[in-house]
Amino acid sequence: EANQTVDLVGWKATLQEPRAYDGANFTAIVFPMTLALENGTTHALTPEYRNYGQGQETKEAAIRIGLLEDWYATISPLQNETGRWLLRVHYEPAILWLWLGLALAVLGGVLCLGQSFLSLPRKANS
């Protein structure tokens, strides 16, 4: 429900009043929310639920990317319950470091391949 705070270990999520708006070819409901962490940091996330008509619906995740952690929030209607929504908040630690590690491994592979190609013995022209 709006303005309800859920207190979890290490953080609190507060869902604010949802608001509707019309896009170019869709109608959407935005669910603004605030995450308050124990260390005093707050993050604003705004997941959306969009309806494109003819039964085409999508959920737009709210993503907050940080140096040490990522936060994702999605919203979807509960089945068989009109007016009720399910809010999911995901905490993913160190995702940026995972991608940086992958990029570093690829760079190392490219450098090794480049070095081996440069040091190949060449045939003498006769």
N, C-alpha and C. Protein backbone atom coordinates (compact mmCIF):
# COMPACT_ATOMS: atom_id res chain seq x y z
N GLU A 1 0.83 -1.18 0.00
CA GLU A 1 0.00 0.00 0.00
C GLU A 1 0.87 1.25 0.00
N ALA A 2 0.32 2.33 -0.46
CA ALA A 2 1.07 3.58 -0.55
C ALA A 2 1.46 4.07 0.84
N ASN A 3 2.63 4.68 0.91
CA ASN A 3 3.20 5.24 2.14
C ASN A 3 3.43 4.20 3.23
N GLN A 4 3.52 2.95 2.82
CA GLN A 4 3.81 1.89 3.76
C GLN A 4 5.31 1.61 3.71
N THR A 5 5.91 1.42 4.88
CA THR A 5 7.34 1.13 4.97
C THR A 5 7.53 -0.32 5.38
N VAL A 6 8.39 -1.00 4.64
CA VAL A 6 8.75 -2.37 4.96
C VAL A 6 10.16 -2.33 5.52
N ASP A 7 10.32 -2.81 6.74
CA ASP A 7 11.61 -2.79 7.42
C ASP A 7 12.27 -4.15 7.29
N LEU A 8 13.38 -4.19 6.58
CA LEU A 8 14.13 -5.43 6.41
C LEU A 8 15.50 -5.27 7.04
N VAL A 9 16.26 -6.33 7.09
CA VAL A 9 17.57 -6.29 7.73
C VAL A 9 18.49 -5.36 6.94
N GLY A 10 18.86 -4.25 7.54
CA GLY A 10 19.80 -3.33 6.94
C GLY A 10 19.21 -2.24 6.06
N TRP A 11 17.93 -2.32 5.73
CA TRP A 11 17.34 -1.28 4.89
C TRP A 11 15.83 -1.25 5.03
N LYS A 12 15.25 -0.11 4.62
CA LYS A 12 13.79 0.08 4.66
C LYS A 12 13.34 0.53 3.29
N ALA A 13 12.23 0.00 2.83
CA ALA A 13 11.63 0.41 1.56
C ALA A 13 10.30 1.09 1.85
N THR A 14 10.11 2.29 1.29
CA THR A 14 8.86 3.02 1.44
C THR A 14 8.27 3.26 0.07
N LEU A 15 7.09 2.70 -0.15
CA LEU A 15 6.37 2.89 -1.41
C LEU A 15 5.50 4.13 -1.30
N GLN A 16 5.68 5.06 -2.23
CA GLN A 16 4.90 6.28 -2.22
C GLN A 16 3.64 6.09 -3.07
N GLU A 17 2.86 7.13 -3.18
CA GLU A 17 1.59 7.07 -3.91
C GLU A 17 1.85 6.85 -5.40
N PRO A 18 1.27 5.78 -5.99
CA PRO A 18 1.45 5.56 -7.43
C PRO A 18 0.75 6.65 -8.24
N ARG A 19 1.29 6.91 -9.43
CA ARG A 19 0.67 7.90 -10.32
C ARG A 19 0.64 7.35 -11.74
N ALA A 20 -0.37 7.72 -12.47
CA ALA A 20 -0.54 7.25 -13.85
C ALA A 20 -0.17 8.36 -14.82
N TYR A 21 0.30 7.95 -15.98
CA TYR A 21 0.55 8.93 -17.05
C TYR A 21 0.40 8.23 -18.39
N ASP A 22 0.21 9.03 -19.45
CA ASP A 22 0.07 8.51 -20.80
C ASP A 22 1.34 8.79 -21.58
N GLY A 23 1.89 7.75 -22.20
CA GLY A 23 3.05 7.89 -23.07
C GLY A 23 2.59 8.01 -24.51
N ALA A 24 3.53 7.92 -25.44
CA ALA A 24 3.21 8.06 -26.86
C ALA A 24 2.24 6.99 -27.33
N ASN A 25 2.46 5.73 -26.91
CA ASN A 25 1.59 4.65 -27.36
C ASN A 25 1.25 3.71 -26.21
N PHE A 26 1.29 4.20 -25.00
CA PHE A 26 0.99 3.35 -23.85
C PHE A 26 0.45 4.19 -22.70
N THR A 27 -0.15 3.52 -21.74
CA THR A 27 -0.49 4.14 -20.47
C THR A 27 0.36 3.44 -19.40
N ALA A 28 0.78 4.17 -18.41
CA ALA A 28 1.68 3.59 -17.42
C ALA A 28 1.26 4.02 -16.02
N ILE A 29 1.64 3.18 -15.07
CA ILE A 29 1.52 3.51 -13.66
C ILE A 29 2.93 3.46 -13.09
N VAL A 30 3.35 4.55 -12.47
CA VAL A 30 4.68 4.65 -11.87
C VAL A 30 4.53 4.47 -10.36
N PHE A 31 5.42 3.69 -9.79
CA PHE A 31 5.41 3.42 -8.36
C PHE A 31 6.69 3.95 -7.73
N PRO A 32 6.75 5.24 -7.37
CA PRO A 32 7.96 5.78 -6.75
C PRO A 32 8.19 5.15 -5.38
N MET A 33 9.43 4.86 -5.10
CA MET A 33 9.77 4.29 -3.81
C MET A 33 11.13 4.80 -3.36
N THR A 34 11.36 4.73 -2.07
CA THR A 34 12.62 5.16 -1.49
C THR A 34 13.21 4.01 -0.69
N LEU A 35 14.50 3.75 -0.92
CA LEU A 35 15.23 2.78 -0.12
C LEU A 35 16.12 3.55 0.83
N ALA A 36 16.01 3.27 2.11
CA ALA A 36 16.85 3.89 3.12
C ALA A 36 17.73 2.82 3.74
N LEU A 37 19.04 2.99 3.61
CA LEU A 37 19.98 2.03 4.14
C LEU A 37 20.40 2.41 5.56
N GLU A 38 20.93 1.46 6.30
CA GLU A 38 21.34 1.71 7.68
C GLU A 38 22.38 2.82 7.80
N ASN A 39 23.24 2.96 6.78
CA ASN A 39 24.30 3.96 6.86
C ASN A 39 23.80 5.38 6.52
N GLY A 40 22.50 5.54 6.32
CA GLY A 40 21.93 6.86 6.06
C GLY A 40 21.75 7.17 4.58
N THR A 41 22.24 6.32 3.70
CA THR A 41 22.10 6.53 2.27
C THR A 41 20.67 6.22 1.84
N THR A 42 20.13 7.05 0.95
CA THR A 42 18.80 6.77 0.40
C THR A 42 18.89 6.72 -1.12
N HIS A 43 18.08 5.88 -1.71
CA HIS A 43 18.01 5.74 -3.16
C HIS A 43 16.54 5.84 -3.57
N ALA A 44 16.29 6.57 -4.63
CA ALA A 44 14.94 6.67 -5.18
C ALA A 44 14.84 5.75 -6.40
N LEU A 45 13.84 4.90 -6.41
CA LEU A 45 13.60 3.99 -7.54
C LEU A 45 12.16 4.19 -8.02
N THR A 46 11.94 4.08 -9.32
CA THR A 46 10.60 4.27 -9.87
C THR A 46 10.27 3.18 -10.90
N PRO A 47 9.89 1.99 -10.45
CA PRO A 47 9.46 0.98 -11.41
C PRO A 47 8.13 1.37 -12.04
N GLU A 48 7.91 0.89 -13.28
CA GLU A 48 6.68 1.22 -14.01
C GLU A 48 6.00 -0.05 -14.51
N TYR A 49 4.71 0.06 -14.65
CA TYR A 49 3.91 -0.98 -15.28
C TYR A 49 3.23 -0.33 -16.47
N ARG A 50 3.51 -0.83 -17.68
CA ARG A 50 2.99 -0.21 -18.89
C ARG A 50 2.01 -1.12 -19.61
N ASN A 51 0.95 -0.50 -20.16
CA ASN A 51 -0.05 -1.22 -20.94
C ASN A 51 -0.10 -0.60 -22.33
N TYR A 52 0.20 -1.41 -23.34
CA TYR A 52 0.21 -0.95 -24.73
C TYR A 52 -1.10 -1.26 -25.45
N GLY A 53 -2.08 -1.76 -24.74
CA GLY A 53 -3.36 -2.11 -25.34
C GLY A 53 -3.31 -3.51 -25.94
N GLN A 54 -4.46 -4.07 -26.23
CA GLN A 54 -4.59 -5.39 -26.83
C GLN A 54 -3.86 -6.46 -26.02
N GLY A 55 -3.85 -6.30 -24.71
CA GLY A 55 -3.24 -7.30 -23.84
C GLY A 55 -1.73 -7.27 -23.76
N GLN A 56 -1.10 -6.28 -24.36
CA GLN A 56 0.36 -6.18 -24.30
C GLN A 56 0.75 -5.31 -23.11
N GLU A 57 1.42 -5.94 -22.14
CA GLU A 57 1.83 -5.25 -20.94
C GLU A 57 3.30 -5.54 -20.67
N THR A 58 4.00 -4.57 -20.12
CA THR A 58 5.40 -4.78 -19.75
C THR A 58 5.66 -4.16 -18.38
N LYS A 59 6.73 -4.62 -17.79
CA LYS A 59 7.20 -4.05 -16.53
C LYS A 59 8.55 -3.40 -16.79
N GLU A 60 8.68 -2.16 -16.42
CA GLU A 60 9.94 -1.44 -16.56
C GLU A 60 10.62 -1.44 -15.20
N ALA A 61 11.75 -2.10 -15.13
CA ALA A 61 12.48 -2.18 -13.86
C ALA A 61 13.17 -0.86 -13.57
N ALA A 62 13.23 -0.54 -12.30
CA ALA A 62 14.02 0.61 -11.84
C ALA A 62 15.36 0.05 -11.40
N ILE A 63 16.44 0.60 -11.93
CA ILE A 63 17.77 0.08 -11.65
C ILE A 63 18.63 1.20 -11.09
N ARG A 64 19.29 0.93 -9.99
CA ARG A 64 20.25 1.87 -9.41
C ARG A 64 21.59 1.15 -9.35
N ILE A 65 22.54 1.60 -10.18
CA ILE A 65 23.85 0.96 -10.28
C ILE A 65 24.83 1.74 -9.42
N GLY A 66 25.53 1.02 -8.58
CA GLY A 66 26.52 1.64 -7.70
C GLY A 66 27.87 0.95 -7.83
N LEU A 67 28.85 1.51 -7.18
CA LEU A 67 30.20 0.96 -7.23
C LEU A 67 30.28 -0.38 -6.52
N LEU A 68 29.58 -0.52 -5.40
CA LEU A 68 29.65 -1.75 -4.62
C LEU A 68 28.41 -2.60 -4.68
N GLU A 69 27.30 -2.03 -5.17
CA GLU A 69 26.03 -2.77 -5.16
C GLU A 69 25.08 -2.22 -6.21
N ASP A 70 24.15 -3.06 -6.63
CA ASP A 70 23.09 -2.65 -7.54
C ASP A 70 21.75 -2.96 -6.88
N TRP A 71 20.77 -2.12 -7.14
CA TRP A 71 19.41 -2.31 -6.64
C TRP A 71 18.47 -2.35 -7.84
N TYR A 72 17.55 -3.30 -7.85
CA TYR A 72 16.56 -3.44 -8.89
C TYR A 72 15.18 -3.50 -8.25
N ALA A 73 14.22 -2.83 -8.84
CA ALA A 73 12.84 -2.89 -8.34
C ALA A 73 11.90 -3.11 -9.52
N THR A 74 10.98 -4.06 -9.37
CA THR A 74 9.95 -4.31 -10.39
C THR A 74 8.60 -4.36 -9.69
N ILE A 75 7.57 -4.14 -10.47
CA ILE A 75 6.20 -4.15 -9.95
C ILE A 75 5.33 -4.93 -10.92
N SER A 76 4.40 -5.70 -10.41
CA SER A 76 3.45 -6.42 -11.26
C SER A 76 2.16 -6.63 -10.49
N PRO A 77 1.04 -6.71 -11.22
CA PRO A 77 -0.24 -6.91 -10.53
C PRO A 77 -0.34 -8.34 -10.00
N LEU A 78 -1.00 -8.48 -8.86
CA LEU A 78 -1.25 -9.82 -8.33
C LEU A 78 -2.37 -10.48 -9.13
N GLN A 79 -2.22 -11.73 -9.43
CA GLN A 79 -3.23 -12.46 -10.19
C GLN A 79 -4.52 -12.55 -9.37
N ASN A 80 -5.63 -12.34 -10.03
CA ASN A 80 -6.97 -12.48 -9.44
C ASN A 80 -7.25 -11.53 -8.29
N GLU A 81 -6.48 -10.46 -8.16
CA GLU A 81 -6.73 -9.48 -7.11
C GLU A 81 -6.64 -8.09 -7.71
N THR A 82 -7.76 -7.47 -7.95
CA THR A 82 -7.80 -6.15 -8.56
C THR A 82 -7.27 -5.10 -7.60
N GLY A 83 -6.40 -4.24 -8.13
CA GLY A 83 -5.89 -3.13 -7.34
C GLY A 83 -4.74 -3.47 -6.42
N ARG A 84 -4.29 -4.70 -6.39
CA ARG A 84 -3.16 -5.09 -5.53
C ARG A 84 -1.95 -5.36 -6.40
N TRP A 85 -0.79 -4.98 -5.89
CA TRP A 85 0.45 -5.08 -6.66
C TRP A 85 1.52 -5.82 -5.87
N LEU A 86 2.43 -6.43 -6.60
CA LEU A 86 3.57 -7.11 -6.00
C LEU A 86 4.83 -6.33 -6.34
N LEU A 87 5.52 -5.85 -5.33
CA LEU A 87 6.75 -5.10 -5.51
C LEU A 87 7.91 -6.01 -5.16
N ARG A 88 8.87 -6.12 -6.07
CA ARG A 88 10.07 -6.93 -5.82
C ARG A 88 11.28 -6.01 -5.83
N VAL A 89 12.09 -6.11 -4.80
CA VAL A 89 13.34 -5.36 -4.71
C VAL A 89 14.48 -6.36 -4.61
N HIS A 90 15.44 -6.23 -5.51
CA HIS A 90 16.58 -7.14 -5.52
C HIS A 90 17.86 -6.36 -5.20
N TYR A 91 18.67 -6.95 -4.35
CA TYR A 91 19.97 -6.39 -4.00
C TYR A 91 21.03 -7.31 -4.58
N GLU A 92 21.89 -6.76 -5.41
CA GLU A 92 22.95 -7.54 -6.04
C GLU A 92 24.30 -6.89 -5.72
N PRO A 93 25.11 -7.50 -4.86
CA PRO A 93 26.40 -6.90 -4.52
C PRO A 93 27.45 -7.16 -5.60
N ALA A 94 28.31 -6.20 -5.82
CA ALA A 94 29.52 -6.32 -6.64
C ALA A 94 29.28 -6.71 -8.10
N ILE A 95 28.15 -6.38 -8.68
CA ILE A 95 27.90 -6.72 -10.08
C ILE A 95 28.84 -5.93 -11.00
N LEU A 96 29.09 -4.67 -10.69
CA LEU A 96 30.01 -3.86 -11.49
C LEU A 96 31.39 -4.50 -11.52
N TRP A 97 31.84 -5.02 -10.40
CA TRP A 97 33.16 -5.66 -10.33
C TRP A 97 33.19 -6.94 -11.16
N LEU A 98 32.07 -7.63 -11.25
CA LEU A 98 32.00 -8.82 -12.10
C LEU A 98 32.22 -8.44 -13.56
N TRP A 99 31.55 -7.38 -14.02
CA TRP A 99 31.72 -6.93 -15.40
C TRP A 99 33.13 -6.39 -15.65
N LEU A 100 33.68 -5.66 -14.69
CA LEU A 100 35.05 -5.16 -14.85
C LEU A 100 36.06 -6.32 -14.91
N GLY A 101 35.85 -7.35 -14.11
CA GLY A 101 36.71 -8.53 -14.16
C GLY A 101 36.63 -9.24 -15.50
N LEU A 102 35.43 -9.33 -16.06
CA LEU A 102 35.26 -9.94 -17.37
C LEU A 102 35.98 -9.11 -18.44
N ALA A 103 35.84 -7.80 -18.38
CA ALA A 103 36.51 -6.93 -19.35
C ALA A 103 38.02 -7.05 -19.23
N LEU A 104 38.53 -7.15 -18.03
CA LEU A 104 39.97 -7.31 -17.82
C LEU A 104 40.46 -8.65 -18.36
N ALA A 105 39.68 -9.72 -18.18
CA ALA A 105 40.05 -11.03 -18.72
C ALA A 105 40.06 -11.01 -20.24
N VAL A 106 39.08 -10.37 -20.86
CA VAL A 106 39.04 -10.26 -22.32
C VAL A 106 40.23 -9.45 -22.82
N LEU A 107 40.55 -8.36 -22.16
CA LEU A 107 41.69 -7.54 -22.54
C LEU A 107 42.99 -8.35 -22.44
N GLY A 108 43.15 -9.11 -21.37
CA GLY A 108 44.32 -9.96 -21.22
C GLY A 108 44.42 -11.00 -22.33
N GLY A 109 43.29 -11.59 -22.71
CA GLY A 109 43.29 -12.56 -23.81
C GLY A 109 43.67 -11.93 -25.13
N VAL A 110 43.15 -10.74 -25.39
CA VAL A 110 43.48 -10.04 -26.64
C VAL A 110 44.96 -9.68 -26.68
N LEU A 111 45.49 -9.21 -25.57
CA LEU A 111 46.91 -8.86 -25.52
C LEU A 111 47.79 -10.09 -25.72
N CYS A 112 47.43 -11.22 -25.14
CA CYS A 112 48.20 -12.45 -25.32
C CYS A 112 48.16 -12.92 -26.77
N LEU A 113 46.98 -12.87 -27.37
CA LEU A 113 46.88 -13.28 -28.77
C LEU A 113 47.67 -12.33 -29.67
N GLY A 114 47.58 -11.06 -29.40
CA GLY A 114 48.31 -10.08 -30.21
C GLY A 114 49.81 -10.27 -30.10
N GLN A 115 50.28 -10.57 -28.92
CA GLN A 115 51.71 -10.78 -28.72
C GLN A 115 52.18 -12.04 -29.44
N SER A 116 51.39 -13.10 -29.40
CA SER A 116 51.82 -14.34 -30.07
C SER A 116 51.80 -14.17 -31.59
N PHE A 117 50.89 -13.39 -32.12
CA PHE A 117 50.88 -13.14 -33.57
C PHE A 117 52.08 -12.28 -33.99
N LEU A 118 52.46 -11.36 -33.16
CA LEU A 118 53.59 -10.49 -33.50
C LEU A 118 54.93 -11.23 -33.42
N SER A 119 55.02 -12.25 -32.60
CA SER A 119 56.29 -12.94 -32.41
C SER A 119 56.41 -14.21 -33.26
N LEU A 120 55.50 -14.45 -34.20
CA LEU A 120 55.61 -15.62 -35.08
C LEU A 120 56.82 -15.47 -35.99
N PRO A 121 57.57 -16.58 -36.17
CA PRO A 121 58.71 -16.50 -37.10
C PRO A 121 58.21 -16.31 -38.52
N ARG A 122 58.94 -15.51 -39.28
CA ARG A 122 58.54 -15.22 -40.66
C ARG A 122 59.46 -15.99 -41.62
N LYS A 123 58.86 -16.43 -42.71
CA LYS A 123 59.63 -17.15 -43.74
C LYS A 123 60.48 -16.16 -44.52
N ALA A 124 61.68 -16.59 -44.82
CA ALA A 124 62.56 -15.74 -45.63
C ALA A 124 62.17 -15.88 -47.08
N ASN A 125 62.14 -14.77 -47.79
CA ASN A 125 61.83 -14.81 -49.23
C ASN A 125 63.07 -15.23 -50.00
N SER A 126 62.90 -16.21 -50.92
CA SER A 126 64.04 -16.63 -51.70
C SER A 126 64.01 -16.09 -53.10
